Amino acid sequence: MMRSLTTVTLLAAALLLGGCAVTYRPATTVRTQAGNDVHIPPGHLPPPGMCRIWYPDRPPGHQPPPGDCAELQRRVPEGAVLVHG
């Protein structure tokens, strides 16, 4: 009885912890038109298929939201970069 309880407990723990795995993604580096490197933290990259205008002089939490790449590429101001997801 004790052995089967331990097995069930270990199996339950493995199943629960298996869903908690985190994949490390390093910051992405993009280059501005002026030749400066800009580092974008992984949590701020746009989702696949979307883009984001990134302002190097603003903190990550103050960047505009992701949007449609075709529309955003027409609105990238000087000094900012378009980041593709």
PDB file of N, CA and C in Angstrom:
ATOM      1  N   MET A   1       0.818  -1.195   0.000  1.00  0.00           N
ATOM      2  CA  MET A   1       0.000   0.000   0.000  1.00  0.00           C
ATOM      3  C   MET A   1       0.865   1.264   0.000  1.00  0.00           C
ATOM      4  N   MET A   2       1.909   1.280   0.823  1.00  0.00           N
ATOM      5  CA  MET A   2       2.767   2.457   0.919  1.00  0.00           C
ATOM      6  C   MET A   2       3.506   2.707  -0.393  1.00  0.00           C
ATOM      7  N   ARG A   3       3.947   1.625  -1.032  1.00  0.00           N
ATOM      8  CA  ARG A   3       4.672   1.781  -2.287  1.00  0.00           C
ATOM      9  C   ARG A   3       3.768   2.347  -3.380  1.00  0.00           C
ATOM     10  N   SER A   4       2.558   1.893  -3.475  1.00  0.00           N
ATOM     11  CA  SER A   4       1.657   2.392  -4.517  1.00  0.00           C
ATOM     12  C   SER A   4       1.277   3.853  -4.244  1.00  0.00           C
ATOM     13  N   LEU A   5       1.153   4.251  -3.002  1.00  0.00           N
ATOM     14  CA  LEU A   5       0.852   5.639  -2.662  1.00  0.00           C
ATOM     15  C   LEU A   5       2.014   6.547  -3.057  1.00  0.00           C
ATOM     16  N   THR A   6       3.246   6.095  -2.825  1.00  0.00           N
ATOM     17  CA  THR A   6       4.431   6.864  -3.206  1.00  0.00           C
ATOM     18  C   THR A   6       4.506   6.993  -4.724  1.00  0.00           C
ATOM     19  N   THR A   7       4.211   5.920  -5.426  1.00  0.00           N
ATOM     20  CA  THR A   7       4.235   5.957  -6.887  1.00  0.00           C
ATOM     21  C   THR A   7       3.207   6.932  -7.422  1.00  0.00           C
ATOM     22  N   VAL A   8       2.013   6.901  -6.873  1.00  0.00           N
ATOM     23  CA  VAL A   8       0.947   7.814  -7.310  1.00  0.00           C
ATOM     24  C   VAL A   8       1.335   9.255  -7.002  1.00  0.00           C
ATOM     25  N   THR A   9       1.921   9.497  -5.848  1.00  0.00           N
ATOM     26  CA  THR A   9       2.339  10.850  -5.464  1.00  0.00           C
ATOM     27  C   THR A   9       3.417  11.366  -6.405  1.00  0.00           C
ATOM     28  N   LEU A  10       4.405  10.528  -6.707  1.00  0.00           N
ATOM     29  CA  LEU A  10       5.475  10.940  -7.619  1.00  0.00           C
ATOM     30  C   LEU A  10       4.946  11.175  -9.031  1.00  0.00           C
ATOM     31  N   LEU A  11       4.030  10.339  -9.475  1.00  0.00           N
ATOM     32  CA  LEU A  11       3.445  10.513 -10.802  1.00  0.00           C
ATOM     33  C   LEU A  11       2.647  11.817 -10.873  1.00  0.00           C
ATOM     34  N   ALA A  12       1.877  12.104  -9.849  1.00  0.00           N
ATOM     35  CA  ALA A  12       1.099  13.347  -9.810  1.00  0.00           C
ATOM     36  C   ALA A  12       2.030  14.568  -9.803  1.00  0.00           C
ATOM     37  N   ALA A  13       3.097  14.507  -9.041  1.00  0.00           N
ATOM     38  CA  ALA A  13       4.048  15.619  -8.985  1.00  0.00           C
ATOM     39  C   ALA A  13       4.708  15.823 -10.341  1.00  0.00           C
ATOM     40  N   ALA A  14       5.073  14.735 -11.015  1.00  0.00           N
ATOM     41  CA  ALA A  14       5.710  14.851 -12.331  1.00  0.00           C
ATOM     42  C   ALA A  14       4.750  15.475 -13.340  1.00  0.00           C
ATOM     43  N   LEU A  15       3.496  15.086 -13.296  1.00  0.00           N
ATOM     44  CA  LEU A  15       2.510  15.650 -14.220  1.00  0.00           C
ATOM     45  C   LEU A  15       2.286  17.136 -13.950  1.00  0.00           C
ATOM     46  N   LEU A  16       2.213  17.516 -12.689  1.00  0.00           N
ATOM     47  CA  LEU A  16       2.001  18.924 -12.342  1.00  0.00           C
ATOM     48  C   LEU A  16       3.200  19.786 -12.717  1.00  0.00           C
ATOM     49  N   LEU A  17       4.397  19.304 -12.418  1.00  0.00           N
ATOM     50  CA  LEU A  17       5.594  20.087 -12.694  1.00  0.00           C
ATOM     51  C   LEU A  17       5.940  20.103 -14.174  1.00  0.00           C
ATOM     52  N   GLY A  18       5.524  19.101 -14.906  1.00  0.00           N
ATOM     53  CA  GLY A  18       5.787  19.059 -16.338  1.00  0.00           C
ATOM     54  C   GLY A  18       5.165  20.235 -17.063  1.00  0.00           C
ATOM     55  N   GLY A  19       4.037  20.717 -16.606  1.00  0.00           N
ATOM     56  CA  GLY A  19       3.376  21.862 -17.221  1.00  0.00           C
ATOM     57  C   GLY A  19       3.995  23.182 -16.817  1.00  0.00           C
ATOM     58  N   CYS A  20       4.940  23.168 -15.898  1.00  0.00           N
ATOM     59  CA  CYS A  20       5.543  24.409 -15.408  1.00  0.00           C
ATOM     60  C   CYS A  20       6.878  24.708 -16.074  1.00  0.00           C
ATOM     61  N   ALA A  21       7.267  23.926 -17.038  1.00  0.00           N
ATOM     62  CA  ALA A  21       8.557  24.150 -17.686  1.00  0.00           C
ATOM     63  C   ALA A  21       8.550  25.488 -18.414  1.00  0.00           C
ATOM     64  N   VAL A  22       9.642  26.201 -18.314  1.00  0.00           N
ATOM     65  CA  VAL A  22       9.771  27.508 -18.952  1.00  0.00           C
ATOM     66  C   VAL A  22      10.912  27.433 -19.961  1.00  0.00           C
ATOM     67  N   THR A  23      10.665  27.910 -21.148  1.00  0.00           N
ATOM     68  CA  THR A  23      11.704  27.947 -22.162  1.00  0.00           C
ATOM     69  C   THR A  23      12.369  29.312 -22.127  1.00  0.00           C
ATOM     70  N   TYR A  24      13.677  29.328 -22.029  1.00  0.00           N
ATOM     71  CA  TYR A  24      14.412  30.591 -21.985  1.00  0.00           C
ATOM     72  C   TYR A  24      14.584  31.123 -23.399  1.00  0.00           C
ATOM     73  N   ARG A  25      14.197  32.366 -23.611  1.00  0.00           N
ATOM     74  CA  ARG A  25      14.424  33.049 -24.888  1.00  0.00           C
ATOM     75  C   ARG A  25      15.237  34.295 -24.595  1.00  0.00           C
ATOM     76  N   PRO A  26      16.436  34.390 -25.150  1.00  0.00           N
ATOM     77  CA  PRO A  26      17.245  35.586 -24.904  1.00  0.00           C
ATOM     78  C   PRO A  26      16.624  36.809 -25.571  1.00  0.00           C
ATOM     79  N   ALA A  27      17.064  37.967 -25.148  1.00  0.00           N
ATOM     80  CA  ALA A  27      16.581  39.210 -25.756  1.00  0.00           C
ATOM     81  C   ALA A  27      16.929  39.228 -27.234  1.00  0.00           C
ATOM     82  N   THR A  28      16.054  39.812 -28.008  1.00  0.00           N
ATOM     83  CA  THR A  28      16.293  39.950 -29.438  1.00  0.00           C
ATOM     84  C   THR A  28      16.972  41.283 -29.686  1.00  0.00           C
ATOM     85  N   THR A  29      17.954  41.289 -30.550  1.00  0.00           N
ATOM     86  CA  THR A  29      18.657  42.519 -30.901  1.00  0.00           C
ATOM     87  C   THR A  29      18.289  42.901 -32.325  1.00  0.00           C
ATOM     88  N   VAL A  30      17.830  44.136 -32.499  1.00  0.00           N
ATOM     89  CA  VAL A  30      17.542  44.662 -33.833  1.00  0.00           C
ATOM     90  C   VAL A  30      18.379  45.917 -34.026  1.00  0.00           C
ATOM     91  N   ARG A  31      18.641  46.238 -35.264  1.00  0.00           N
ATOM     92  CA  ARG A  31      19.468  47.404 -35.571  1.00  0.00           C
ATOM     93  C   ARG A  31      18.605  48.495 -36.176  1.00  0.00           C
ATOM     94  N   THR A  32      18.745  49.719 -35.668  1.00  0.00           N
ATOM     95  CA  THR A  32      18.013  50.864 -36.207  1.00  0.00           C
ATOM     96  C   THR A  32      18.660  51.308 -37.517  1.00  0.00           C
ATOM     97  N   GLN A  33      17.974  52.200 -38.234  1.00  0.00           N
ATOM     98  CA  GLN A  33      18.536  52.728 -39.479  1.00  0.00           C
ATOM     99  C   GLN A  33      19.816  53.507 -39.223  1.00  0.00           C
ATOM    100  N   ALA A  34      19.946  54.054 -38.023  1.00  0.00           N
ATOM    101  CA  ALA A  34      21.150  54.796 -37.659  1.00  0.00           C
ATOM    102  C   ALA A  34      22.310  53.868 -37.291  1.00  0.00           C
ATOM    103  N   GLY A  35      22.059  52.540 -37.256  1.00  0.00           N
ATOM    104  CA  GLY A  35      23.109  51.581 -36.943  1.00  0.00           C
ATOM    105  C   GLY A  35      23.239  51.247 -35.476  1.00  0.00           C
ATOM    106  N   ASN A  36      22.302  51.679 -34.641  1.00  0.00           N
ATOM    107  CA  ASN A  36      22.341  51.380 -33.213  1.00  0.00           C
ATOM    108  C   ASN A  36      21.643  50.053 -32.942  1.00  0.00           C
ATOM    109  N   ASP A  37      22.190  49.269 -32.020  1.00  0.00           N
ATOM    110  CA  ASP A  37      21.551  48.018 -31.613  1.00  0.00           C
ATOM    111  C   ASP A  37      20.531  48.304 -30.520  1.00  0.00           C
ATOM    112  N   VAL A  38      19.358  47.687 -30.651  1.00  0.00           N
ATOM    113  CA  VAL A  38      18.287  47.824 -29.664  1.00  0.00           C
ATOM    114  C   VAL A  38      17.950  46.428 -29.156  1.00  0.00           C
ATOM    115  N   HIS A  39      17.940  46.247 -27.836  1.00  0.00           N
ATOM    116  CA  HIS A  39      17.642  44.953 -27.227  1.00  0.00           C
ATOM    117  C   HIS A  39      16.180  44.934 -26.775  1.00  0.00           C
ATOM    118  N   ILE A  40      15.450  43.911 -27.205  1.00  0.00           N
ATOM    119  CA  ILE A  40      14.033  43.785 -26.874  1.00  0.00           C
ATOM    120  C   ILE A  40      13.849  42.535 -26.022  1.00  0.00           C
ATOM    121  N   PRO A  41      13.351  42.691 -24.785  1.00  0.00           N
ATOM    122  CA  PRO A  41      13.144  41.523 -23.921  1.00  0.00           C
ATOM    123  C   PRO A  41      12.134  40.560 -24.539  1.00  0.00           C
ATOM    124  N   PRO A  42      12.309  39.246 -24.323  1.00  0.00           N
ATOM    125  CA  PRO A  42      11.433  38.255 -24.939  1.00  0.00           C
ATOM    126  C   PRO A  42       9.945  38.465 -24.640  1.00  0.00           C
ATOM    127  N   GLY A  43       9.595  38.906 -23.480  1.00  0.00           N
ATOM    128  CA  GLY A  43       8.190  39.110 -23.136  1.00  0.00           C
ATOM    129  C   GLY A  43       7.546  40.260 -23.874  1.00  0.00           C
ATOM    130  N   HIS A  44       8.333  41.040 -24.590  1.00  0.00           N
ATOM    131  CA  HIS A  44       7.810  42.202 -25.306  1.00  0.00           C
ATOM    132  C   HIS A  44       7.861  42.034 -26.820  1.00  0.00           C
ATOM    133  N   LEU A  45       8.281  40.867 -27.283  1.00  0.00           N
ATOM    134  CA  LEU A  45       8.262  40.607 -28.715  1.00  0.00           C
ATOM    135  C   LEU A  45       6.818  40.423 -29.172  1.00  0.00           C
ATOM    136  N   PRO A  46       6.477  40.865 -30.373  1.00  0.00           N
ATOM    137  CA  PRO A  46       5.107  40.671 -30.850  1.00  0.00           C
ATOM    138  C   PRO A  46       4.839  39.197 -31.130  1.00  0.00           C
ATOM    139  N   PRO A  47       3.573  38.789 -31.091  1.00  0.00           N
ATOM    140  CA  PRO A  47       3.253  37.393 -31.413  1.00  0.00           C
ATOM    141  C   PRO A  47       3.593  37.074 -32.868  1.00  0.00           C
ATOM    142  N   PRO A  48       3.775  35.808 -33.194  1.00  0.00           N
ATOM    143  CA  PRO A  48       4.050  35.436 -34.581  1.00  0.00           C
ATOM    144  C   PRO A  48       2.992  35.999 -35.541  1.00  0.00           C
ATOM    145  N   GLY A  49       3.460  36.544 -36.646  1.00  0.00           N
ATOM    146  CA  GLY A  49       2.546  37.103 -37.635  1.00  0.00           C
ATOM    147  C   GLY A  49       2.170  38.552 -37.388  1.00  0.00           C
ATOM    148  N   MET A  50       2.623  39.126 -36.283  1.00  0.00           N
ATOM    149  CA  MET A  50       2.330  40.525 -35.970  1.00  0.00           C
ATOM    150  C   MET A  50       3.642  41.291 -35.847  1.00  0.00           C
ATOM    151  N   CYS A  51       3.529  42.609 -35.804  1.00  0.00           N
ATOM    152  CA  CYS A  51       4.696  43.482 -35.657  1.00  0.00           C
ATOM    153  C   CYS A  51       4.463  44.482 -34.538  1.00  0.00           C
ATOM    154  N   ARG A  52       5.541  45.179 -34.182  1.00  0.00           N
ATOM    155  CA  ARG A  52       5.458  46.207 -33.144  1.00  0.00           C
ATOM    156  C   ARG A  52       6.466  47.297 -33.461  1.00  0.00           C
ATOM    157  N   ILE A  53       6.029  48.531 -33.357  1.00  0.00           N
ATOM    158  CA  ILE A  53       6.966  49.651 -33.478  1.00  0.00           C
ATOM    159  C   ILE A  53       7.658  49.780 -32.129  1.00  0.00           C
ATOM    160  N   TRP A  54       8.989  49.814 -32.158  1.00  0.00           N
ATOM    161  CA  TRP A  54       9.770  49.869 -30.920  1.00  0.00           C
ATOM    162  C   TRP A  54      10.559  51.168 -30.888  1.00  0.00           C
ATOM    163  N   TYR A  55      10.381  51.916 -29.794  1.00  0.00           N
ATOM    164  CA  TYR A  55      11.094  53.175 -29.583  1.00  0.00           C
ATOM    165  C   TYR A  55      12.252  52.907 -28.619  1.00  0.00           C
ATOM    166  N   PRO A  56      13.498  53.008 -29.072  1.00  0.00           N
ATOM    167  CA  PRO A  56      14.646  52.694 -28.217  1.00  0.00           C
ATOM    168  C   PRO A  56      14.748  53.552 -26.962  1.00  0.00           C
ATOM    169  N   ASP A  57      14.177  54.754 -26.974  1.00  0.00           N
ATOM    170  CA  ASP A  57      14.295  55.638 -25.815  1.00  0.00           C
ATOM    171  C   ASP A  57      13.171  55.439 -24.793  1.00  0.00           C
ATOM    172  N   ARG A  58      12.298  54.451 -24.998  1.00  0.00           N
ATOM    173  CA  ARG A  58      11.204  54.185 -24.055  1.00  0.00           C
ATOM    174  C   ARG A  58      11.440  52.840 -23.364  1.00  0.00           C
ATOM    175  N   PRO A  59      11.013  52.726 -22.088  1.00  0.00           N
ATOM    176  CA  PRO A  59      11.130  51.429 -21.411  1.00  0.00           C
ATOM    177  C   PRO A  59      10.166  50.410 -22.044  1.00  0.00           C
ATOM    178  N   PRO A  60      10.440  49.118 -21.889  1.00  0.00           N
ATOM    179  CA  PRO A  60       9.602  48.094 -22.510  1.00  0.00           C
ATOM    180  C   PRO A  60       8.108  48.223 -22.212  1.00  0.00           C
ATOM    181  N   GLY A  61       7.758  48.572 -21.008  1.00  0.00           N
ATOM    182  CA  GLY A  61       6.340  48.682 -20.643  1.00  0.00           C
ATOM    183  C   GLY A  61       5.631  49.880 -21.244  1.00  0.00           C
ATOM    184  N   HIS A  62       6.359  50.783 -21.877  1.00  0.00           N
ATOM    185  CA  HIS A  62       5.762  51.980 -22.470  1.00  0.00           C
ATOM    186  C   HIS A  62       5.800  51.959 -24.002  1.00  0.00           C
ATOM    187  N   GLN A  63       5.953  50.782 -24.573  1.00  0.00           N
ATOM    188  CA  GLN A  63       5.948  50.639 -26.023  1.00  0.00           C
ATOM    189  C   GLN A  63       4.510  50.462 -26.517  1.00  0.00           C
ATOM    190  N   PRO A  64       4.217  50.878 -27.756  1.00  0.00           N
ATOM    191  CA  PRO A  64       2.873  50.671 -28.288  1.00  0.00           C
ATOM    192  C   PRO A  64       2.576  49.185 -28.486  1.00  0.00           C
ATOM    193  N   PRO A  65       1.314  48.821 -28.545  1.00  0.00           N
ATOM    194  CA  PRO A  65       0.950  47.402 -28.684  1.00  0.00           C
ATOM    195  C   PRO A  65       1.272  46.861 -30.074  1.00  0.00           C
ATOM    196  N   PRO A  66       1.362  45.528 -30.197  1.00  0.00           N
ATOM    197  CA  PRO A  66       1.565  44.909 -31.507  1.00  0.00           C
ATOM    198  C   PRO A  66       0.371  45.167 -32.420  1.00  0.00           C
ATOM    199  N   GLY A  67       0.621  45.057 -33.712  1.00  0.00           N
ATOM    200  CA  GLY A  67      -0.450  45.253 -34.683  1.00  0.00           C
ATOM    201  C   GLY A  67      -0.111  44.621 -36.017  1.00  0.00           C
ATOM    202  N   ASP A  68      -0.905  44.956 -37.013  1.00  0.00           N
ATOM    203  CA  ASP A  68      -0.742  44.434 -38.360  1.00  0.00           C
ATOM    204  C   ASP A  68       0.538  44.984 -38.985  1.00  0.00           C
ATOM    205  N   CYS A  69       1.379  44.093 -39.498  1.00  0.00           N
ATOM    206  CA  CYS A  69       2.676  44.497 -40.057  1.00  0.00           C
ATOM    207  C   CYS A  69       2.529  45.446 -41.245  1.00  0.00           C
ATOM    208  N   ALA A  70       1.584  45.161 -42.138  1.00  0.00           N
ATOM    209  CA  ALA A  70       1.421  45.989 -43.336  1.00  0.00           C
ATOM    210  C   ALA A  70       1.070  47.429 -42.967  1.00  0.00           C
ATOM    211  N   GLU A  71       0.256  47.595 -41.949  1.00  0.00           N
ATOM    212  CA  GLU A  71      -0.114  48.952 -41.536  1.00  0.00           C
ATOM    213  C   GLU A  71       1.010  49.630 -40.760  1.00  0.00           C
ATOM    214  N   LEU A  72       1.622  48.910 -39.844  1.00  0.00           N
ATOM    215  CA  LEU A  72       2.652  49.523 -39.006  1.00  0.00           C
ATOM    216  C   LEU A  72       3.896  49.910 -39.794  1.00  0.00           C
ATOM    217  N   GLN A  73       4.232  49.167 -40.835  1.00  0.00           N
ATOM    218  CA  GLN A  73       5.460  49.496 -41.573  1.00  0.00           C
ATOM    219  C   GLN A  73       5.355  50.839 -42.280  1.00  0.00           C
ATOM    220  N   ARG A  74       4.153  51.323 -42.494  1.00  0.00           N
ATOM    221  CA  ARG A  74       3.973  52.655 -43.102  1.00  0.00           C
ATOM    222  C   ARG A  74       4.052  53.764 -42.061  1.00  0.00           C
ATOM    223  N   ARG A  75       4.040  53.402 -40.777  1.00  0.00           N
ATOM    224  CA  ARG A  75       3.977  54.424 -39.725  1.00  0.00           C
ATOM    225  C   ARG A  75       5.203  54.453 -38.814  1.00  0.00           C
ATOM    226  N   VAL A  76       6.302  53.837 -39.212  1.00  0.00           N
ATOM    227  CA  VAL A  76       7.487  53.803 -38.343  1.00  0.00           C
ATOM    228  C   VAL A  76       8.197  55.154 -38.410  1.00  0.00           C
ATOM    229  N   PRO A  77       8.225  55.887 -37.299  1.00  0.00           N
ATOM    230  CA  PRO A  77       8.899  57.187 -37.307  1.00  0.00           C
ATOM    231  C   PRO A  77      10.417  57.030 -37.270  1.00  0.00           C
ATOM    232  N   GLU A  78      11.103  58.096 -37.598  1.00  0.00           N
ATOM    233  CA  GLU A  78      12.569  58.079 -37.556  1.00  0.00           C
ATOM    234  C   GLU A  78      13.037  57.779 -36.144  1.00  0.00           C
ATOM    235  N   GLY A  79      14.008  56.906 -36.042  1.00  0.00           N
ATOM    236  CA  GLY A  79      14.566  56.540 -34.740  1.00  0.00           C
ATOM    237  C   GLY A  79      13.925  55.296 -34.138  1.00  0.00           C
ATOM    238  N   ALA A  80      12.748  54.908 -34.627  1.00  0.00           N
ATOM    239  CA  ALA A  80      12.073  53.712 -34.152  1.00  0.00           C
ATOM    240  C   ALA A  80      12.351  52.553 -35.110  1.00  0.00           C
ATOM    241  N   VAL A  81      12.084  51.328 -34.657  1.00  0.00           N
ATOM    242  CA  VAL A  81      12.269  50.156 -35.509  1.00  0.00           C
ATOM    243  C   VAL A  81      11.000  49.327 -35.516  1.00  0.00           C
ATOM    244  N   LEU A  82      10.789  48.607 -36.609  1.00  0.00           N
ATOM    245  CA  LEU A  82       9.662  47.693 -36.714  1.00  0.00           C
ATOM    246  C   LEU A  82      10.165  46.298 -36.375  1.00  0.00           C
ATOM    247  N   VAL A  83       9.560  45.695 -35.367  1.00  0.00           N
ATOM    248  CA  VAL A  83       9.962  44.371 -34.899  1.00  0.00           C
ATOM    249  C   VAL A  83       8.913  43.376 -35.376  1.00  0.00           C
ATOM    250  N   HIS A  84       9.365  42.335 -36.063  1.00  0.00           N
ATOM    251  CA  HIS A  84       8.476  41.291 -36.564  1.00  0.00           C
ATOM    252  C   HIS A  84       8.408  40.132 -35.581  1.00  0.00           C
ATOM    253  N   GLY A  85       7.215  39.604 -35.383  1.00  0.00           N
ATOM    254  CA  GLY A  85       7.026  38.474 -34.472  1.00  0.00           C
ATOM    255  C   GLY A  85       7.176  37.153 -35.176  1.00  0.00           C
TER     256      GLY A  85
END
